Structures are given as structure tokens and as C-alpha cells.
Amino acid sequence: MKKLSLVFILFLTCTYLEKRIAIKNCKFYFKDVKIERIGLKDIDLKTFIEIKNPNSIEVVMEKFTYDFYVNNINAFSGIFSQKTEIESGKSKTINMLVNIPYDKITQAILSLIKEDKADYKIKGRVYFSTILGEFPFDVEIEK
């Protein structure tokens, strides 16, 4: 009985790790950014990231930290800390609401006005947790 229990625990541990490590094979796409609210001192933006899971198993993303660039200017940073599960062969779109004071994005706004275009890029780090701790890997998303 002890051997069976040990085998079962090892199986569950391997499955747990496999679901988290498989996030490295996922593809990340920048979908959209929308203005949610414009205030006198700040603005609320909602950014949408699509994650496609090409794996034969479900994947789990524990956390996503990112820097958002507009015309190569770091406009803001954020953290998406909602555990997200993505079924095998499926996609999931996550959205992140960010409040940004205008004094933090002045350069990006001036760049938008001057260049009359908006190139978006997100440099991020995806985290998955294991019994050995939290492990990150980098992603870069451009539009």
C-alpha cells in the first residue's frame, strides 16, 4: 500500500510540474489596448493578451509581470497575478486594468503626438510555481 501511495504522489507531482512547465511552449499575442477612463490626473487602460496553448496538456500560469512600451518608451509596468489555466489546444485572453498617472507617461504621449503612430510592445516575465519554488521565463509581445 505504501508503494502504491508513493507512486500516486509521484504521478501527481509530475503532472503538476508538467502543467506548469508547459507554459513555456505557449504563444503570447498582443490583442488590444482600450481606454477605460480618462481623468484629470490619470488614465485607466485595459490591455488584452491572448495566450495560445499548443500543448497536449492543460497549462497553468501563476503570474505575469510586464513592462508596456509605446514607440519604444516604457510607459508603465504591471503585474497580473491571477492564476490562469488554459486547456490543451485552446486560447485564453487575459485582460489587465492599469491606472497610470499622466506624469508617468508624458514621454509616451508626446511620442504618440509627434510620430502620429503607436507601436506597442510588452516585455514580460511569466511565472510558474513548483514545490521547489517559483520559476520565471521571459516573453516579448509586439503589435
C-alpha atoms as a PDB file:
ATOM      1  CA  MET A   1       0.000   0.000   0.000  1.00  0.00           C
ATOM      2  CA  LYS A   2       2.869   2.383   0.799  1.00  0.00           C
ATOM      3  CA  LYS A   3       4.424   1.770  -2.636  1.00  0.00           C
ATOM      4  CA  LEU A   4       1.111   2.479  -4.339  1.00  0.00           C
ATOM      5  CA  SER A   5       0.706   5.691  -2.346  1.00  0.00           C
ATOM      6  CA  LEU A   6       4.249   6.778  -3.209  1.00  0.00           C
ATOM      7  CA  VAL A   7       3.701   6.067  -6.925  1.00  0.00           C
ATOM      8  CA  PHE A   8       0.438   8.021  -6.828  1.00  0.00           C
ATOM      9  CA  ILE A   9       2.120  11.014  -5.127  1.00  0.00           C
ATOM     10  CA  LEU A  10       4.962  10.971  -7.662  1.00  0.00           C
ATOM     11  CA  PHE A  11       2.437  10.839 -10.518  1.00  0.00           C
ATOM     12  CA  LEU A  12       0.527  13.823  -9.130  1.00  0.00           C
ATOM     13  CA  THR A  13       3.764  15.772  -8.632  1.00  0.00           C
ATOM     14  CA  CYS A  14       4.917  15.063 -12.196  1.00  0.00           C
ATOM     15  CA  THR A  15       1.529  16.068 -13.610  1.00  0.00           C
ATOM     16  CA  TYR A  16       1.560  19.256 -11.519  1.00  0.00           C
ATOM     17  CA  LEU A  17       5.051  20.175 -12.768  1.00  0.00           C
ATOM     18  CA  GLU A  18       4.288  19.243 -16.369  1.00  0.00           C
ATOM     19  CA  LYS A  19       1.269  21.587 -16.479  1.00  0.00           C
ATOM     20  CA  ARG A  20       3.363  24.479 -15.239  1.00  0.00           C
ATOM     21  CA  ILE A  21       6.498  23.904 -17.292  1.00  0.00           C
ATOM     22  CA  ALA A  22       4.412  23.529 -20.483  1.00  0.00           C
ATOM     23  CA  ILE A  23       3.569  27.269 -20.313  1.00  0.00           C
ATOM     24  CA  LYS A  24       6.983  27.821 -21.955  1.00  0.00           C
ATOM     25  CA  ASN A  25       5.587  26.420 -25.227  1.00  0.00           C
ATOM     26  CA  CYS A  26       2.634  28.795 -25.294  1.00  0.00           C
ATOM     27  CA  LYS A  27       2.424  31.700 -27.730  1.00  0.00           C
ATOM     28  CA  PHE A  28       1.592  35.180 -26.455  1.00  0.00           C
ATOM     29  CA  TYR A  29      -0.128  37.778 -28.651  1.00  0.00           C
ATOM     30  CA  PHE A  30      -0.965  41.409 -28.015  1.00  0.00           C
ATOM     31  CA  LYS A  31      -4.660  41.786 -28.841  1.00  0.00           C
ATOM     32  CA  ASP A  32      -5.712  45.293 -27.874  1.00  0.00           C
ATOM     33  CA  VAL A  33      -5.479  48.209 -25.513  1.00  0.00           C
ATOM     34  CA  LYS A  34      -8.574  50.218 -24.629  1.00  0.00           C
ATOM     35  CA  ILE A  35      -9.093  53.393 -22.697  1.00  0.00           C
ATOM     36  CA  GLU A  36     -11.415  52.646 -19.806  1.00  0.00           C
ATOM     37  CA  ARG A  37     -11.418  56.065 -18.147  1.00  0.00           C
ATOM     38  CA  ILE A  38      -9.764  59.433 -18.666  1.00  0.00           C
ATOM     39  CA  GLY A  39      -9.349  61.576 -15.576  1.00  0.00           C
ATOM     40  CA  LEU A  40      -7.738  64.908 -14.857  1.00  0.00           C
ATOM     41  CA  LYS A  41      -4.595  63.336 -13.370  1.00  0.00           C
ATOM     42  CA  ASP A  42      -4.600  59.786 -14.666  1.00  0.00           C
ATOM     43  CA  ILE A  43      -5.954  57.306 -17.180  1.00  0.00           C
ATOM     44  CA  ASP A  44      -7.193  53.720 -16.868  1.00  0.00           C
ATOM     45  CA  LEU A  45      -6.176  51.363 -19.666  1.00  0.00           C
ATOM     46  CA  LYS A  46      -7.202  47.787 -20.242  1.00  0.00           C
ATOM     47  CA  THR A  47      -4.707  45.645 -22.148  1.00  0.00           C
ATOM     48  CA  PHE A  48      -5.634  42.304 -23.691  1.00  0.00           C
ATOM     49  CA  ILE A  49      -3.130  39.458 -24.155  1.00  0.00           C
ATOM     50  CA  GLU A  50      -4.060  36.215 -25.902  1.00  0.00           C
ATOM     51  CA  ILE A  51      -2.270  33.053 -24.806  1.00  0.00           C
ATOM     52  CA  LYS A  52      -2.408  30.057 -27.156  1.00  0.00           C
ATOM     53  CA  ASN A  53      -1.656  26.626 -25.742  1.00  0.00           C
ATOM     54  CA  PRO A  54      -0.264  24.258 -28.417  1.00  0.00           C
ATOM     55  CA  ASN A  55       0.493  21.571 -25.817  1.00  0.00           C
ATOM     56  CA  SER A  56      -1.313  18.254 -25.434  1.00  0.00           C
ATOM     57  CA  ILE A  57      -1.963  19.124 -21.779  1.00  0.00           C
ATOM     58  CA  GLU A  58      -3.560  21.987 -19.891  1.00  0.00           C
ATOM     59  CA  VAL A  59      -1.100  24.680 -18.760  1.00  0.00           C
ATOM     60  CA  VAL A  60      -1.123  26.853 -15.673  1.00  0.00           C
ATOM     61  CA  MET A  61       0.266  30.399 -15.435  1.00  0.00           C
ATOM     62  CA  GLU A  62       0.663  31.658 -11.892  1.00  0.00           C
ATOM     63  CA  LYS A  63       1.723  35.281 -12.518  1.00  0.00           C
ATOM     64  CA  PHE A  64       2.712  37.648 -15.322  1.00  0.00           C
ATOM     65  CA  THR A  65       4.818  40.780 -14.745  1.00  0.00           C
ATOM     66  CA  TYR A  66       5.317  43.186 -17.613  1.00  0.00           C
ATOM     67  CA  ASP A  67       6.581  46.493 -18.951  1.00  0.00           C
ATOM     68  CA  PHE A  68       4.385  48.152 -21.578  1.00  0.00           C
ATOM     69  CA  TYR A  69       6.173  50.188 -24.270  1.00  0.00           C
ATOM     70  CA  VAL A  70       4.683  52.749 -26.641  1.00  0.00           C
ATOM     71  CA  ASN A  71       7.022  53.679 -29.508  1.00  0.00           C
ATOM     72  CA  ASN A  72       9.905  52.109 -27.551  1.00  0.00           C
ATOM     73  CA  ILE A  73       9.234  54.249 -24.479  1.00  0.00           C
ATOM     74  CA  ASN A  74       8.456  52.415 -21.241  1.00  0.00           C
ATOM     75  CA  ALA A  75       5.000  53.763 -20.487  1.00  0.00           C
ATOM     76  CA  PHE A  76       4.081  51.604 -17.484  1.00  0.00           C
ATOM     77  CA  SER A  77       4.617  48.344 -15.645  1.00  0.00           C
ATOM     78  CA  GLY A  78       2.203  45.954 -14.069  1.00  0.00           C
ATOM     79  CA  ILE A  79       1.506  42.565 -12.543  1.00  0.00           C
ATOM     80  CA  PHE A  80      -1.214  40.093 -13.472  1.00  0.00           C
ATOM     81  CA  SER A  81      -1.360  37.714 -10.526  1.00  0.00           C
ATOM     82  CA  GLN A  82      -4.497  35.741 -11.279  1.00  0.00           C
ATOM     83  CA  LYS A  83      -3.837  32.017 -11.707  1.00  0.00           C
ATOM     84  CA  THR A  84      -4.824  31.159 -15.281  1.00  0.00           C
ATOM     85  CA  GLU A  85      -5.468  27.701 -16.704  1.00  0.00           C
ATOM     86  CA  ILE A  86      -5.518  27.159 -20.475  1.00  0.00           C
ATOM     87  CA  GLU A  87      -6.879  23.948 -21.922  1.00  0.00           C
ATOM     88  CA  SER A  88      -4.899  21.882 -24.407  1.00  0.00           C
ATOM     89  CA  GLY A  89      -5.113  23.301 -27.941  1.00  0.00           C
ATOM     90  CA  LYS A  90      -7.140  26.323 -26.763  1.00  0.00           C
ATOM     91  CA  SER A  91      -6.561  30.035 -26.307  1.00  0.00           C
ATOM     92  CA  LYS A  92      -7.408  32.337 -23.456  1.00  0.00           C
ATOM     93  CA  THR A  93      -7.372  36.123 -23.424  1.00  0.00           C
ATOM     94  CA  ILE A  94      -6.363  37.814 -20.212  1.00  0.00           C
ATOM     95  CA  ASN A  95      -7.028  41.477 -19.576  1.00  0.00           C
ATOM     96  CA  MET A  96      -5.173  43.742 -17.242  1.00  0.00           C
ATOM     97  CA  LEU A  97      -6.591  47.012 -15.947  1.00  0.00           C
ATOM     98  CA  VAL A  98      -3.897  49.565 -15.192  1.00  0.00           C
ATOM     99  CA  ASN A  99      -4.196  53.033 -13.662  1.00  0.00           C
ATOM    100  CA  ILE A 100      -1.492  55.359 -14.950  1.00  0.00           C
ATOM    101  CA  PRO A 101      -0.799  58.878 -13.684  1.00  0.00           C
ATOM    102  CA  TYR A 102      -0.107  61.247 -16.589  1.00  0.00           C
ATOM    103  CA  ASP A 103       3.249  62.268 -15.166  1.00  0.00           C
ATOM    104  CA  LYS A 104       4.401  58.650 -15.634  1.00  0.00           C
ATOM    105  CA  ILE A 105       3.536  58.517 -19.355  1.00  0.00           C
ATOM    106  CA  THR A 106       4.305  62.032 -20.556  1.00  0.00           C
ATOM    107  CA  GLN A 107       7.091  60.873 -22.906  1.00  0.00           C
ATOM    108  CA  ALA A 108       4.890  58.180 -24.436  1.00  0.00           C
ATOM    109  CA  ILE A 109       2.054  60.676 -25.031  1.00  0.00           C
ATOM    110  CA  LEU A 110       4.449  63.156 -26.656  1.00  0.00           C
ATOM    111  CA  SER A 111       5.790  60.361 -28.867  1.00  0.00           C
ATOM    112  CA  LEU A 112       2.251  59.477 -29.977  1.00  0.00           C
ATOM    113  CA  ILE A 113       1.560  63.084 -30.908  1.00  0.00           C
ATOM    114  CA  LYS A 114       4.922  63.633 -32.628  1.00  0.00           C
ATOM    115  CA  GLU A 115       5.074  60.353 -34.587  1.00  0.00           C
ATOM    116  CA  ASP A 116       1.305  60.067 -35.219  1.00  0.00           C
ATOM    117  CA  LYS A 117       1.544  56.311 -34.722  1.00  0.00           C
ATOM    118  CA  ALA A 118       1.545  53.805 -31.906  1.00  0.00           C
ATOM    119  CA  ASP A 119       3.786  50.762 -31.834  1.00  0.00           C
ATOM    120  CA  TYR A 120       3.084  48.648 -28.773  1.00  0.00           C
ATOM    121  CA  LYS A 121       5.429  46.167 -27.155  1.00  0.00           C
ATOM    122  CA  ILE A 122       5.185  44.214 -23.946  1.00  0.00           C
ATOM    123  CA  LYS A 123       8.250  42.734 -22.308  1.00  0.00           C
ATOM    124  CA  GLY A 124       7.120  40.351 -19.652  1.00  0.00           C
ATOM    125  CA  ARG A 125       8.004  37.534 -17.394  1.00  0.00           C
ATOM    126  CA  VAL A 126       5.686  34.557 -16.853  1.00  0.00           C
ATOM    127  CA  TYR A 127       5.949  32.623 -13.609  1.00  0.00           C
ATOM    128  CA  PHE A 128       5.002  29.094 -12.706  1.00  0.00           C
ATOM    129  CA  SER A 129       5.240  27.612  -9.232  1.00  0.00           C
ATOM    130  CA  THR A 130       6.630  24.253  -8.236  1.00  0.00           C
ATOM    131  CA  ILE A 131       7.384  22.563  -4.954  1.00  0.00           C
ATOM    132  CA  LEU A 132      10.944  23.841  -5.455  1.00  0.00           C
ATOM    133  CA  GLY A 133       9.848  27.463  -5.771  1.00  0.00           C
ATOM    134  CA  GLU A 134       8.752  29.936  -8.413  1.00  0.00           C
ATOM    135  CA  PHE A 135      10.359  29.843 -11.876  1.00  0.00           C
ATOM    136  CA  PRO A 136      10.178  32.651 -14.475  1.00  0.00           C
ATOM    137  CA  PHE A 137      10.691  32.833 -18.209  1.00  0.00           C
ATOM    138  CA  ASP A 138      10.684  35.878 -20.474  1.00  0.00           C
ATOM    139  CA  VAL A 139       8.210  36.737 -23.218  1.00  0.00           C
ATOM    140  CA  GLU A 140       8.104  39.623 -25.686  1.00  0.00           C
ATOM    141  CA  ILE A 141       4.915  40.632 -27.467  1.00  0.00           C
ATOM    142  CA  GLU A 142       4.738  43.216 -30.249  1.00  0.00           C
ATOM    143  CA  LYS A 143       1.961  44.803 -32.234  1.00  0.00           C
END
